[in-house]
């Protein structure tokens, strides 16, 4: 009976492996990583990062992936029919669809719109804003 308990206590989470290209700097290091299959996964080991930025990036990419993204919405009363938008900061990858829903719920935006203008704060509880990336003038 004691042997069975010891064997059970030595069981570890299954490990997966992956190959990644770091996107932090132009070097584009090819990083090989091993990580647990638990949710969320934990980085176990990696090789190939040539700088500290790559080391930080691979840990985040495995354990808490973040993304920025762009989209567009319709504009009312502007010299353009649509305006481009983006996240001001990276958001958790798992929140992208929820954030997109919050953006779509804005419906149509009214001109004028200015580059950097915040149209939505903390979408889906994230620590980011949705900002305008193209100027849209009002037409009379």
Protein backbone atom coordinates (compact mmCIF):
# COMPACT_ATOMS: atom_id res chain seq x y z
CA UNK A 1 0.00 0.00 0.00
CA UNK A 2 2.84 2.38 0.79
CA UNK A 3 4.41 1.75 -2.64
CA UNK A 4 1.17 2.75 -4.41
CA UNK A 5 0.98 6.08 -2.53
CA UNK A 6 4.60 6.87 -3.41
CA UNK A 7 4.01 6.11 -7.09
CA UNK A 8 0.90 8.31 -7.16
CA UNK A 9 2.77 11.23 -5.59
CA UNK A 10 5.42 11.06 -8.32
CA UNK A 11 2.95 11.50 -11.19
CA UNK A 12 3.58 14.75 -13.03
CA UNK A 13 1.53 16.63 -15.58
CA UNK A 14 2.05 15.45 -19.16
CA UNK A 15 4.47 17.63 -21.11
CA UNK A 16 4.01 19.07 -24.60
CA UNK A 17 6.58 20.67 -26.84
CA UNK A 18 6.35 23.41 -29.41
CA UNK A 19 8.40 25.49 -31.79
CA UNK A 20 7.95 29.27 -31.72
CA UNK A 21 9.37 32.27 -33.55
CA UNK A 22 9.94 35.16 -31.17
CA UNK A 23 8.29 38.38 -32.37
CA UNK A 24 9.84 40.82 -29.88
CA UNK A 25 12.78 42.01 -31.99
CA UNK A 26 13.96 41.67 -35.60
CA UNK A 27 16.22 38.69 -34.80
CA UNK A 28 13.17 36.38 -34.83
CA UNK A 29 14.77 33.69 -32.69
CA UNK A 30 13.53 30.15 -33.19
CA UNK A 31 12.60 28.93 -29.70
CA UNK A 32 11.84 25.35 -28.75
CA UNK A 33 9.80 25.01 -25.56
CA UNK A 34 8.45 22.28 -23.32
CA UNK A 35 5.39 23.01 -21.20
CA UNK A 36 2.84 21.20 -19.08
CA UNK A 37 -0.54 20.15 -20.47
CA UNK A 38 -2.38 21.62 -17.49
CA UNK A 39 -4.60 24.69 -17.83
CA UNK A 40 -3.06 27.19 -17.83
CA UNK A 41 0.15 25.54 -19.05
CA UNK A 42 3.46 26.17 -17.29
CA UNK A 43 6.77 26.57 -19.09
CA UNK A 44 9.16 23.77 -18.13
CA UNK A 45 12.16 24.49 -20.36
CA UNK A 46 13.16 26.30 -23.54
CA UNK A 47 16.14 26.84 -25.82
CA UNK A 48 16.99 29.17 -28.67
CA UNK A 49 16.26 32.61 -27.19
CA UNK A 50 19.31 34.76 -27.85
CA UNK A 51 18.32 37.59 -25.51
CA UNK A 52 16.45 38.26 -22.29
CA UNK A 53 13.45 39.65 -24.23
CA UNK A 54 12.97 36.26 -25.87
CA UNK A 55 13.12 34.54 -22.50
CA UNK A 56 10.40 36.81 -21.12
CA UNK A 57 8.31 36.49 -24.30
CA UNK A 58 8.28 32.67 -24.43
CA UNK A 59 7.19 32.44 -20.78
CA UNK A 60 4.31 34.83 -21.43
CA UNK A 61 3.39 33.17 -24.73
CA UNK A 62 3.06 29.80 -23.00
CA UNK A 63 1.54 30.83 -19.68
CA UNK A 64 -0.54 33.94 -20.50
CA UNK A 65 -0.62 34.75 -24.24
CA UNK A 66 -1.48 38.35 -25.09
CA UNK A 67 -2.48 39.90 -28.41
CA UNK A 68 -3.21 43.24 -30.02
CA UNK A 69 -5.59 43.41 -32.94
CA UNK A 70 -7.27 45.80 -35.37
CA UNK A 71 -10.80 46.03 -36.67
CA UNK A 72 -13.16 48.64 -38.12
CA UNK A 73 -16.60 50.13 -37.55
CA UNK A 74 -19.03 52.11 -39.68
CA UNK A 75 -19.03 55.90 -39.44
CA UNK A 76 -22.02 58.23 -39.68
CA UNK A 77 -21.56 61.73 -41.11
CA UNK A 78 -17.93 61.32 -42.12
CA UNK A 79 -15.79 61.64 -45.23
CA UNK A 80 -15.09 57.89 -44.86
CA UNK A 81 -17.66 55.12 -44.44
CA UNK A 82 -15.56 53.17 -41.94
CA UNK A 83 -12.85 53.88 -39.39
CA UNK A 84 -10.01 51.59 -38.35
CA UNK A 85 -9.60 50.77 -34.67
CA UNK A 86 -7.09 48.84 -32.59
CA UNK A 87 -6.33 47.82 -29.04
CA UNK A 88 -4.05 50.32 -27.30
CA UNK A 89 -2.34 47.52 -25.35
CA UNK A 90 -2.21 43.76 -25.61
CA UNK A 91 -5.14 41.84 -24.15
CA UNK A 92 -5.41 38.20 -23.06
CA UNK A 93 -5.79 36.02 -26.16
CA UNK A 94 -8.80 34.29 -24.60
CA UNK A 95 -10.68 37.61 -24.42
CA UNK A 96 -10.44 38.54 -28.12
CA UNK A 97 -13.96 37.43 -29.08
CA UNK A 98 -15.47 39.06 -25.99
CA UNK A 99 -13.66 42.34 -26.79
CA UNK A 100 -14.82 42.13 -30.41
CA UNK A 101 -18.40 41.78 -29.15
CA UNK A 102 -17.99 44.91 -27.04
CA UNK A 103 -16.63 46.79 -30.07
CA UNK A 104 -19.47 45.63 -32.32
CA UNK A 105 -21.96 46.71 -29.63
CA UNK A 106 -20.81 50.30 -30.22
CA UNK A 107 -22.61 50.13 -33.56
CA UNK A 108 -21.88 53.11 -35.80
CA UNK A 109 -19.53 55.89 -34.67
CA UNK A 110 -20.23 59.57 -35.34
CA UNK A 111 -17.69 61.75 -37.15
CA UNK A 112 -15.42 63.53 -36.53
CA UNK A 113 -12.93 60.97 -35.25
CA UNK A 114 -9.25 61.60 -34.51
CA UNK A 115 -6.20 59.34 -34.42
CA UNK A 116 -5.68 58.08 -30.86
CA UNK A 117 -9.23 58.91 -29.78
CA UNK A 118 -10.51 56.37 -27.25
CA UNK A 119 -13.88 54.94 -28.28
CA UNK A 120 -14.06 52.17 -25.64
CA UNK A 121 -12.32 51.79 -22.28
CA UNK A 122 -11.57 48.46 -20.60
CA UNK A 123 -13.53 46.26 -23.03
CA UNK A 124 -14.50 42.93 -21.47
CA UNK A 125 -12.69 43.95 -18.29
CA UNK A 126 -9.29 44.17 -19.99
CA UNK A 127 -6.66 46.77 -19.18
CA UNK A 128 -6.75 48.37 -22.61
CA UNK A 129 -8.67 50.84 -24.71
CA UNK A 130 -9.96 50.69 -28.25
CA UNK A 131 -8.55 53.63 -30.18
CA UNK A 132 -9.08 55.22 -33.60
CA UNK A 133 -6.18 54.78 -36.05
CA UNK A 134 -7.40 56.98 -38.93
CA UNK A 135 -8.79 60.50 -38.99
CA UNK A 136 -12.37 60.84 -40.21
CA UNK A 137 -13.59 64.37 -40.92
CA UNK A 138 -17.21 65.35 -40.48
CA UNK A 139 -19.09 66.26 -43.65
CA UNK A 140 -21.90 68.78 -43.59
